[in-house]
C-alpha cells in the first residue's frame, strides 16, 4: 500500500479565471478532492467537483498536477478569453 501524505494548499495554484483559493479536502476518510473558492460568476464554478481520487500519494500527485496544468494564453481554447479577475 502506498503511504499517504496530507497535501498542502501551497501545492495548488489558484483558479486561472477568478484566482479563487484551491485546497484539498478529505472525502469519506479515503478519498481526496480539490475544492475551489470561486468568485461569483466564474466559468469553472461547479465544474471541477467530480475530480475525486483515492488517498494515496500517486493519485494525489496526479490530481495536483492536473489542476495546476495551465494552457498557454493564445492557444485555440483561450482565444478571445481573459481571466475573470481582469473584468472586476
PDB file of N, CA and C in Angstrom:
ATOM      1  N   UNK A   1       0.835  -1.179   0.000  1.00  0.00           N
ATOM      2  CA  UNK A   1       0.000   0.000   0.000  1.00  0.00           C
ATOM      3  C   UNK A   1       0.883   1.247   0.000  1.00  0.00           C
ATOM      4  N   UNK A   2       0.527   2.224  -0.801  1.00  0.00           N
ATOM      5  CA  UNK A   2       1.281   3.460  -0.884  1.00  0.00           C
ATOM      6  C   UNK A   2       1.000   4.333   0.331  1.00  0.00           C
ATOM      7  N   UNK A   3       2.067   4.921   0.869  1.00  0.00           N
ATOM      8  CA  UNK A   3       1.913   5.798   2.029  1.00  0.00           C
ATOM      9  C   UNK A   3       1.165   7.070   1.632  1.00  0.00           C
ATOM     10  N   UNK A   4       0.338   7.572   2.553  1.00  0.00           N
ATOM     11  CA  UNK A   4      -0.422   8.793   2.305  1.00  0.00           C
ATOM     12  C   UNK A   4       0.226   9.961   3.031  1.00  0.00           C
ATOM     13  N   UNK A   5       0.396  11.070   2.342  1.00  0.00           N
ATOM     14  CA  UNK A   5       0.839  12.298   2.983  1.00  0.00           C
ATOM     15  C   UNK A   5      -0.205  13.364   2.712  1.00  0.00           C
ATOM     16  N   UNK A   6      -0.511  14.150   3.715  1.00  0.00           N
ATOM     17  CA  UNK A   6      -1.522  15.184   3.572  1.00  0.00           C
ATOM     18  C   UNK A   6      -1.001  16.285   2.653  1.00  0.00           C
ATOM     19  N   UNK A   7      -1.717  16.612   1.592  1.00  0.00           N
ATOM     20  CA  UNK A   7      -1.280  17.687   0.708  1.00  0.00           C
ATOM     21  C   UNK A   7      -1.420  19.035   1.398  1.00  0.00           C
ATOM     22  N   UNK A   8      -0.628  19.990   0.961  1.00  0.00           N
ATOM     23  CA  UNK A   8      -0.736  21.340   1.497  1.00  0.00           C
ATOM     24  C   UNK A   8      -1.376  22.240   0.447  1.00  0.00           C
ATOM     25  N   UNK A   9      -2.061  23.266   0.906  1.00  0.00           N
ATOM     26  CA  UNK A   9      -2.691  24.203  -0.020  1.00  0.00           C
ATOM     27  C   UNK A   9      -1.660  24.894  -0.899  1.00  0.00           C
ATOM     28  N   UNK A  10      -0.424  25.018  -0.427  1.00  0.00           N
ATOM     29  CA  UNK A  10       0.619  25.685  -1.200  1.00  0.00           C
ATOM     30  C   UNK A  10       0.943  24.939  -2.486  1.00  0.00           C
ATOM     31  N   UNK A  11       0.601  23.636  -2.545  1.00  0.00           N
ATOM     32  CA  UNK A  11       0.868  22.846  -3.746  1.00  0.00           C
ATOM     33  C   UNK A  11      -0.099  23.170  -4.874  1.00  0.00           C
ATOM     34  N   UNK A  12      -1.206  23.804  -4.565  1.00  0.00           N
ATOM     35  CA  UNK A  12      -2.254  24.051  -5.558  1.00  0.00           C
ATOM     36  C   UNK A  12      -2.261  25.507  -6.026  1.00  0.00           C
ATOM     37  N   UNK A  13      -2.326  25.691  -7.336  1.00  0.00           N
ATOM     38  CA  UNK A  13      -2.438  27.038  -7.896  1.00  0.00           C
ATOM     39  C   UNK A  13      -3.884  27.512  -7.740  1.00  0.00           C
ATOM     40  N   UNK A  14      -4.107  28.827  -7.702  1.00  0.00           N
ATOM     41  CA  UNK A  14      -5.483  29.332  -7.630  1.00  0.00           C
ATOM     42  C   UNK A  14      -6.207  29.115  -8.959  1.00  0.00           C
ATOM     43  N   UNK A  15      -7.496  29.330  -8.969  1.00  0.00           N
ATOM     44  CA  UNK A  15      -8.293  29.222 -10.187  1.00  0.00           C
ATOM     45  C   UNK A  15      -7.711  30.158 -11.251  1.00  0.00           C
ATOM     46  N   UNK A  16      -7.531  29.672 -12.480  1.00  0.00           N
ATOM     47  CA  UNK A  16      -6.942  30.524 -13.518  1.00  0.00           C
ATOM     48  C   UNK A  16      -7.867  31.639 -14.001  1.00  0.00           C
ATOM     49  N   UNK A  17      -9.144  31.579 -13.664  1.00  0.00           N
ATOM     50  CA  UNK A  17     -10.086  32.582 -14.138  1.00  0.00           C
ATOM     51  C   UNK A  17     -10.448  33.613 -13.070  1.00  0.00           C
ATOM     52  N   UNK A  18     -10.675  33.158 -11.833  1.00  0.00           N
ATOM     53  CA  UNK A  18     -11.115  34.098 -10.785  1.00  0.00           C
ATOM     54  C   UNK A  18     -10.103  34.235  -9.656  1.00  0.00           C
ATOM     55  N   UNK A  19      -9.015  33.460  -9.721  1.00  0.00           N
ATOM     56  CA  UNK A  19      -7.969  33.448  -8.700  1.00  0.00           C
ATOM     57  C   UNK A  19      -8.470  32.944  -7.349  1.00  0.00           C
ATOM     58  N   UNK A  20      -9.564  32.165  -7.353  1.00  0.00           N
ATOM     59  CA  UNK A  20     -10.090  31.575  -6.135  1.00  0.00           C
ATOM     60  C   UNK A  20      -9.113  30.577  -5.536  1.00  0.00           C
ATOM     61  N   UNK A  21      -9.080  30.510  -4.223  1.00  0.00           N
ATOM     62  CA  UNK A  21      -8.174  29.612  -3.494  1.00  0.00           C
ATOM     63  C   UNK A  21      -8.567  28.154  -3.729  1.00  0.00           C
ATOM     64  N   UNK A  22      -7.575  27.325  -4.026  1.00  0.00           N
ATOM     65  CA  UNK A  22      -7.793  25.895  -4.202  1.00  0.00           C
ATOM     66  C   UNK A  22      -7.214  25.155  -3.005  1.00  0.00           C
ATOM     67  N   UNK A  23      -7.923  24.120  -2.538  1.00  0.00           N
ATOM     68  CA  UNK A  23      -7.454  23.335  -1.392  1.00  0.00           C
ATOM     69  C   UNK A  23      -7.918  21.899  -1.546  1.00  0.00           C
ATOM     70  N   UNK A  24      -7.223  21.003  -0.846  1.00  0.00           N
ATOM     71  CA  UNK A  24      -7.582  19.589  -0.862  1.00  0.00           C
ATOM     72  C   UNK A  24      -8.493  19.293   0.312  1.00  0.00           C
ATOM     73  N   UNK A  25      -9.448  18.417   0.092  1.00  0.00           N
ATOM     74  CA  UNK A  25     -10.375  18.021   1.143  1.00  0.00           C
ATOM     75  C   UNK A  25     -10.443  16.499   1.184  1.00  0.00           C
ATOM     76  N   UNK A  26     -10.504  15.955   2.386  1.00  0.00           N
ATOM     77  CA  UNK A  26     -10.692  14.516   2.557  1.00  0.00           C
ATOM     78  C   UNK A  26     -12.177  14.203   2.411  1.00  0.00           C
ATOM     79  N   UNK A  27     -12.476  13.185   1.631  1.00  0.00           N
ATOM     80  CA  UNK A  27     -13.856  12.760   1.417  1.00  0.00           C
ATOM     81  C   UNK A  27     -13.974  11.311   1.894  1.00  0.00           C
ATOM     82  N   UNK A  28     -14.879  11.064   2.827  1.00  0.00           N
ATOM     83  CA  UNK A  28     -15.152   9.716   3.342  1.00  0.00           C
ATOM     84  C   UNK A  28     -13.892   8.999   3.824  1.00  0.00           C
ATOM     85  N   UNK A  29     -12.962   9.706   4.388  1.00  0.00           N
ATOM     86  CA  UNK A  29     -11.739   9.226   5.021  1.00  0.00           C
ATOM     87  C   UNK A  29     -10.737   8.524   4.106  1.00  0.00           C
ATOM     88  N   UNK A  30     -11.069   8.238   2.850  1.00  0.00           N
ATOM     89  CA  UNK A  30     -10.075   7.602   1.991  1.00  0.00           C
ATOM     90  C   UNK A  30     -10.064   8.126   0.558  1.00  0.00           C
ATOM     91  N   UNK A  31     -10.596   9.325   0.359  1.00  0.00           N
ATOM     92  CA  UNK A  31     -10.593   9.967  -0.964  1.00  0.00           C
ATOM     93  C   UNK A  31     -10.174  11.422  -0.792  1.00  0.00           C
ATOM     94  N   UNK A  32      -9.578  11.992  -1.836  1.00  0.00           N
ATOM     95  CA  UNK A  32      -9.243  13.411  -1.873  1.00  0.00           C
ATOM     96  C   UNK A  32      -9.953  14.062  -3.033  1.00  0.00           C
ATOM     97  N   UNK A  33     -10.326  15.314  -2.842  1.00  0.00           N
ATOM     98  CA  UNK A  33     -10.846  16.116  -3.943  1.00  0.00           C
ATOM     99  C   UNK A  33     -10.365  17.546  -3.765  1.00  0.00           C
ATOM    100  N   UNK A  34     -10.348  18.280  -4.859  1.00  0.00           N
ATOM    101  CA  UNK A  34      -9.962  19.684  -4.816  1.00  0.00           C
ATOM    102  C   UNK A  34     -11.214  20.530  -4.691  1.00  0.00           C
ATOM    103  N   UNK A  35     -11.189  21.453  -3.752  1.00  0.00           N
ATOM    104  CA  UNK A  35     -12.272  22.409  -3.537  1.00  0.00           C
ATOM    105  C   UNK A  35     -11.724  23.786  -3.922  1.00  0.00           C
ATOM    106  N   UNK A  36     -12.470  24.522  -4.720  1.00  0.00           N
ATOM    107  CA  UNK A  36     -12.035  25.846  -5.138  1.00  0.00           C
ATOM    108  C   UNK A  36     -13.052  26.878  -4.675  1.00  0.00           C
ATOM    109  N   UNK A  37     -12.570  27.933  -4.042  1.00  0.00           N
ATOM    110  CA  UNK A  37     -13.427  29.031  -3.598  1.00  0.00           C
ATOM    111  C   UNK A  37     -13.561  30.029  -4.744  1.00  0.00           C
ATOM    112  N   UNK A  38     -14.424  29.696  -5.713  1.00  0.00           N
ATOM    113  CA  UNK A  38     -14.586  30.529  -6.902  1.00  0.00           C
ATOM    114  C   UNK A  38     -15.327  31.820  -6.594  1.00  0.00           C
ATOM    115  N   UNK A  39     -14.994  32.862  -7.358  1.00  0.00           N
ATOM    116  CA  UNK A  39     -15.748  34.109  -7.302  1.00  0.00           C
ATOM    117  C   UNK A  39     -17.091  33.874  -7.993  1.00  0.00           C
ATOM    118  N   UNK A  40     -18.079  34.632  -7.603  1.00  0.00           N
ATOM    119  CA  UNK A  40     -19.398  34.517  -8.228  1.00  0.00           C
ATOM    120  C   UNK A  40     -19.266  34.791  -9.730  1.00  0.00           C
ATOM    121  N   UNK A  41     -19.823  33.898 -10.533  1.00  0.00           N
ATOM    122  CA  UNK A  41     -19.793  34.061 -11.976  1.00  0.00           C
ATOM    123  C   UNK A  41     -18.589  33.425 -12.656  1.00  0.00           C
ATOM    124  N   UNK A  42     -17.683  32.815 -11.905  1.00  0.00           N
ATOM    125  CA  UNK A  42     -16.512  32.177 -12.507  1.00  0.00           C
ATOM    126  C   UNK A  42     -16.959  31.044 -13.433  1.00  0.00           C
ATOM    127  N   UNK A  43     -16.319  30.929 -14.592  1.00  0.00           N
ATOM    128  CA  UNK A  43     -16.696  29.908 -15.563  1.00  0.00           C
ATOM    129  C   UNK A  43     -16.415  28.489 -15.072  1.00  0.00           C
ATOM    130  N   UNK A  44     -15.523  28.315 -14.112  1.00  0.00           N
ATOM    131  CA  UNK A  44     -15.232  26.979 -13.590  1.00  0.00           C
ATOM    132  C   UNK A  44     -16.073  26.605 -12.378  1.00  0.00           C
ATOM    133  N   UNK A  45     -16.842  27.538 -11.876  1.00  0.00           N
ATOM    134  CA  UNK A  45     -17.648  27.260 -10.689  1.00  0.00           C
ATOM    135  C   UNK A  45     -18.582  26.080 -10.940  1.00  0.00           C
ATOM    136  N   UNK A  46     -18.450  25.036 -10.111  1.00  0.00           N
ATOM    137  CA  UNK A  46     -19.298  23.859 -10.229  1.00  0.00           C
ATOM    138  C   UNK A  46     -18.848  22.845 -11.253  1.00  0.00           C
ATOM    139  N   UNK A  47     -17.713  23.075 -11.933  1.00  0.00           N
ATOM    140  CA  UNK A  47     -17.280  22.162 -12.987  1.00  0.00           C
ATOM    141  C   UNK A  47     -16.065  21.330 -12.624  1.00  0.00           C
ATOM    142  N   UNK A  48     -15.600  21.401 -11.418  1.00  0.00           N
ATOM    143  CA  UNK A  48     -14.446  20.585 -11.026  1.00  0.00           C
ATOM    144  C   UNK A  48     -14.792  19.707  -9.834  1.00  0.00           C
ATOM    145  N   UNK A  49     -16.053  19.620  -9.494  1.00  0.00           N
ATOM    146  CA  UNK A  49     -16.481  18.879  -8.310  1.00  0.00           C
ATOM    147  C   UNK A  49     -16.373  17.364  -8.445  1.00  0.00           C
ATOM    148  N   UNK A  50     -16.216  16.854  -9.658  1.00  0.00           N
ATOM    149  CA  UNK A  50     -16.165  15.409  -9.836  1.00  0.00           C
ATOM    150  C   UNK A  50     -14.743  14.863  -9.817  1.00  0.00           C
ATOM    151  N   UNK A  51     -13.748  15.685  -9.551  1.00  0.00           N
ATOM    152  CA  UNK A  51     -12.357  15.249  -9.516  1.00  0.00           C
ATOM    153  C   UNK A  51     -12.028  14.704  -8.134  1.00  0.00           C
ATOM    154  N   UNK A  52     -12.288  13.417  -7.939  1.00  0.00           N
ATOM    155  CA  UNK A  52     -12.040  12.751  -6.664  1.00  0.00           C
ATOM    156  C   UNK A  52     -11.115  11.567  -6.929  1.00  0.00           C
ATOM    157  N   UNK A  53     -10.069  11.428  -6.128  1.00  0.00           N
ATOM    158  CA  UNK A  53      -9.108  10.344  -6.305  1.00  0.00           C
ATOM    159  C   UNK A  53      -8.879   9.621  -4.988  1.00  0.00           C
ATOM    160  N   UNK A  54      -8.413   8.352  -5.046  1.00  0.00           N
ATOM    161  CA  UNK A  54      -8.091   7.620  -3.824  1.00  0.00           C
ATOM    162  C   UNK A  54      -6.981   8.328  -3.048  1.00  0.00           C
ATOM    163  N   UNK A  55      -6.970   8.135  -1.737  1.00  0.00           N
ATOM    164  CA  UNK A  55      -5.960   8.769  -0.887  1.00  0.00           C
ATOM    165  C   UNK A  55      -4.661   7.987  -0.905  1.00  0.00           C
ATOM    166  N   UNK A  56      -3.901   8.140  -1.950  1.00  0.00           N
ATOM    167  CA  UNK A  56      -2.532   7.648  -1.986  1.00  0.00           C
ATOM    168  C   UNK A  56      -1.703   8.719  -2.680  1.00  0.00           C
ATOM    169  N   UNK A  57      -0.404   8.684  -2.464  1.00  0.00           N
ATOM    170  CA  UNK A  57       0.447   9.753  -2.977  1.00  0.00           C
ATOM    171  C   UNK A  57       0.442   9.841  -4.498  1.00  0.00           C
ATOM    172  N   UNK A  58       0.391   8.714  -5.171  1.00  0.00           N
ATOM    173  CA  UNK A  58       0.381   8.731  -6.636  1.00  0.00           C
ATOM    174  C   UNK A  58      -0.870   9.437  -7.170  1.00  0.00           C
ATOM    175  N   UNK A  59      -2.018   9.132  -6.623  1.00  0.00           N
ATOM    176  CA  UNK A  59      -3.265   9.770  -7.050  1.00  0.00           C
ATOM    177  C   UNK A  59      -3.290  11.240  -6.668  1.00  0.00           C
ATOM    178  N   UNK A  60      -2.797  11.558  -5.466  1.00  0.00           N
ATOM    179  CA  UNK A  60      -2.732  12.954  -5.022  1.00  0.00           C
ATOM    180  C   UNK A  60      -1.868  13.763  -5.975  1.00  0.00           C
ATOM    181  N   UNK A  61      -0.690  13.238  -6.308  1.00  0.00           N
ATOM    182  CA  UNK A  61       0.214  13.950  -7.216  1.00  0.00           C
ATOM    183  C   UNK A  61      -0.419  14.126  -8.590  1.00  0.00           C
ATOM    184  N   UNK A  62      -1.130  13.101  -9.073  1.00  0.00           N
ATOM    185  CA  UNK A  62      -1.816  13.186 -10.369  1.00  0.00           C
ATOM    186  C   UNK A  62      -2.858  14.298 -10.351  1.00  0.00           C
ATOM    187  N   UNK A  63      -3.677  14.348  -9.294  1.00  0.00           N
ATOM    188  CA  UNK A  63      -4.741  15.342  -9.209  1.00  0.00           C
ATOM    189  C   UNK A  63      -4.162  16.760  -9.118  1.00  0.00           C
ATOM    190  N   UNK A  64      -3.135  16.942  -8.297  1.00  0.00           N
ATOM    191  CA  UNK A  64      -2.491  18.248  -8.170  1.00  0.00           C
ATOM    192  C   UNK A  64      -1.886  18.671  -9.502  1.00  0.00           C
ATOM    193  N   UNK A  65      -1.214  17.742 -10.179  1.00  0.00           N
ATOM    194  CA  UNK A  65      -0.614  18.050 -11.475  1.00  0.00           C
ATOM    195  C   UNK A  65      -1.673  18.468 -12.493  1.00  0.00           C
ATOM    196  N   UNK A  66      -2.796  17.749 -12.538  1.00  0.00           N
ATOM    197  CA  UNK A  66      -3.863  18.084 -13.494  1.00  0.00           C
ATOM    198  C   UNK A  66      -4.470  19.451 -13.184  1.00  0.00           C
ATOM    199  N   UNK A  67      -4.699  19.748 -11.913  1.00  0.00           N
ATOM    200  CA  UNK A  67      -5.276  21.052 -11.559  1.00  0.00           C
ATOM    201  C   UNK A  67      -4.287  22.174 -11.879  1.00  0.00           C
ATOM    202  N   UNK A  68      -3.004  21.970 -11.600  1.00  0.00           N
ATOM    203  CA  UNK A  68      -2.014  23.021 -11.789  1.00  0.00           C
ATOM    204  C   UNK A  68      -1.583  23.204 -13.245  1.00  0.00           C
ATOM    205  N   UNK A  69      -1.927  22.287 -14.129  1.00  0.00           N
ATOM    206  CA  UNK A  69      -1.565  22.416 -15.536  1.00  0.00           C
ATOM    207  C   UNK A  69      -2.413  23.501 -16.181  1.00  0.00           C
ATOM    208  N   UNK A  70      -1.755  24.435 -16.850  1.00  0.00           N
ATOM    209  CA  UNK A  70      -2.448  25.553 -17.486  1.00  0.00           C
ATOM    210  C   UNK A  70      -2.129  25.571 -18.974  1.00  0.00           C
ATOM    211  N   UNK A  71      -3.137  25.827 -19.767  1.00  0.00           N
ATOM    212  CA  UNK A  71      -2.909  26.045 -21.193  1.00  0.00           C
ATOM    213  C   UNK A  71      -2.340  27.456 -21.349  1.00  0.00           C
ATOM    214  N   UNK A  72      -1.547  27.655 -22.366  1.00  0.00           N
ATOM    215  CA  UNK A  72      -0.989  28.982 -22.599  1.00  0.00           C
ATOM    216  C   UNK A  72      -2.028  29.871 -23.266  1.00  0.00           C
ATOM    217  N   UNK A  73      -2.088  31.138 -22.842  1.00  0.00           N
ATOM    218  CA  UNK A  73      -2.997  32.088 -23.471  1.00  0.00           C
ATOM    219  C   UNK A  73      -2.648  32.188 -24.940  1.00  0.00           C
ATOM    220  N   UNK A  74      -3.656  32.228 -25.778  1.00  0.00           N
ATOM    221  CA  UNK A  74      -3.449  32.311 -27.219  1.00  0.00           C
ATOM    222  C   UNK A  74      -3.619  30.972 -27.911  1.00  0.00           C
ATOM    223  N   UNK A  75      -3.691  29.869 -27.131  1.00  0.00           N
ATOM    224  CA  UNK A  75      -3.972  28.580 -27.745  1.00  0.00           C
ATOM    225  C   UNK A  75      -5.450  28.570 -28.124  1.00  0.00           C
ATOM    226  N   UNK A  76      -5.875  27.719 -29.056  1.00  0.00           N
ATOM    227  CA  UNK A  76      -7.262  27.756 -29.537  1.00  0.00           C
ATOM    228  C   UNK A  76      -8.330  27.755 -28.448  1.00  0.00           C
ATOM    229  N   UNK A  77      -8.092  27.086 -27.330  1.00  0.00           N
ATOM    230  CA  UNK A  77      -9.097  27.035 -26.270  1.00  0.00           C
ATOM    231  C   UNK A  77      -9.289  28.384 -25.591  1.00  0.00           C
ATOM    232  N   UNK A  78      -8.291  29.266 -25.681  1.00  0.00           N
ATOM    233  CA  UNK A  78      -8.352  30.518 -24.941  1.00  0.00           C
ATOM    234  C   UNK A  78      -8.372  31.770 -25.816  1.00  0.00           C
ATOM    235  N   UNK A  79      -8.488  31.626 -27.111  1.00  0.00           N
ATOM    236  CA  UNK A  79      -8.510  32.800 -27.982  1.00  0.00           C
ATOM    237  C   UNK A  79      -9.716  33.668 -27.622  1.00  0.00           C
ATOM    238  N   UNK A  80      -9.467  34.922 -27.325  1.00  0.00           N
ATOM    239  CA  UNK A  80     -10.533  35.856 -27.002  1.00  0.00           C
ATOM    240  C   UNK A  80     -11.037  35.772 -25.575  1.00  0.00           C
ATOM    241  N   UNK A  81     -10.409  34.962 -24.717  1.00  0.00           N
ATOM    242  CA  UNK A  81     -10.845  34.808 -23.322  1.00  0.00           C
ATOM    243  C   UNK A  81      -9.848  35.522 -22.418  1.00  0.00           C
ATOM    244  N   UNK A  82     -10.353  36.260 -21.454  1.00  0.00           N
ATOM    245  CA  UNK A  82      -9.498  36.931 -20.473  1.00  0.00           C
ATOM    246  C   UNK A  82      -9.804  36.367 -19.099  1.00  0.00           C
ATOM    247  N   UNK A  83      -8.831  36.370 -18.187  1.00  0.00           N
ATOM    248  CA  UNK A  83      -9.130  35.922 -16.820  1.00  0.00           C
ATOM    249  C   UNK A  83     -10.253  36.752 -16.222  1.00  0.00           C
ATOM    250  N   UNK A  84     -11.112  36.107 -15.448  1.00  0.00           N
ATOM    251  CA  UNK A  84     -12.260  36.772 -14.842  1.00  0.00           C
ATOM    252  C   UNK A  84     -11.829  37.955 -13.986  1.00  0.00           C
ATOM    253  N   UNK A  85     -10.709  37.812 -13.286  1.00  0.00           N
ATOM    254  CA  UNK A  85     -10.252  38.858 -12.378  1.00  0.00           C
ATOM    255  C   UNK A  85      -9.999  40.175 -13.112  1.00  0.00           C
ATOM    256  N   UNK A  86      -9.698  40.124 -14.400  1.00  0.00           N
ATOM    257  CA  UNK A  86      -9.453  41.350 -15.153  1.00  0.00           C
ATOM    258  C   UNK A  86     -10.739  42.115 -15.409  1.00  0.00           C
ATOM    259  N   UNK A  87     -11.883  41.470 -15.258  1.00  0.00           N
ATOM    260  CA  UNK A  87     -13.179  42.114 -15.508  1.00  0.00           C
ATOM    261  C   UNK A  87     -13.726  42.794 -14.261  1.00  0.00           C
ATOM    262  N   UNK A  88     -13.156  42.481 -13.112  1.00  0.00           N
ATOM    263  CA  UNK A  88     -13.676  43.012 -11.845  1.00  0.00           C
ATOM    264  C   UNK A  88     -13.402  44.485 -11.681  1.00  0.00           C
TER     265      UNK A  88
END
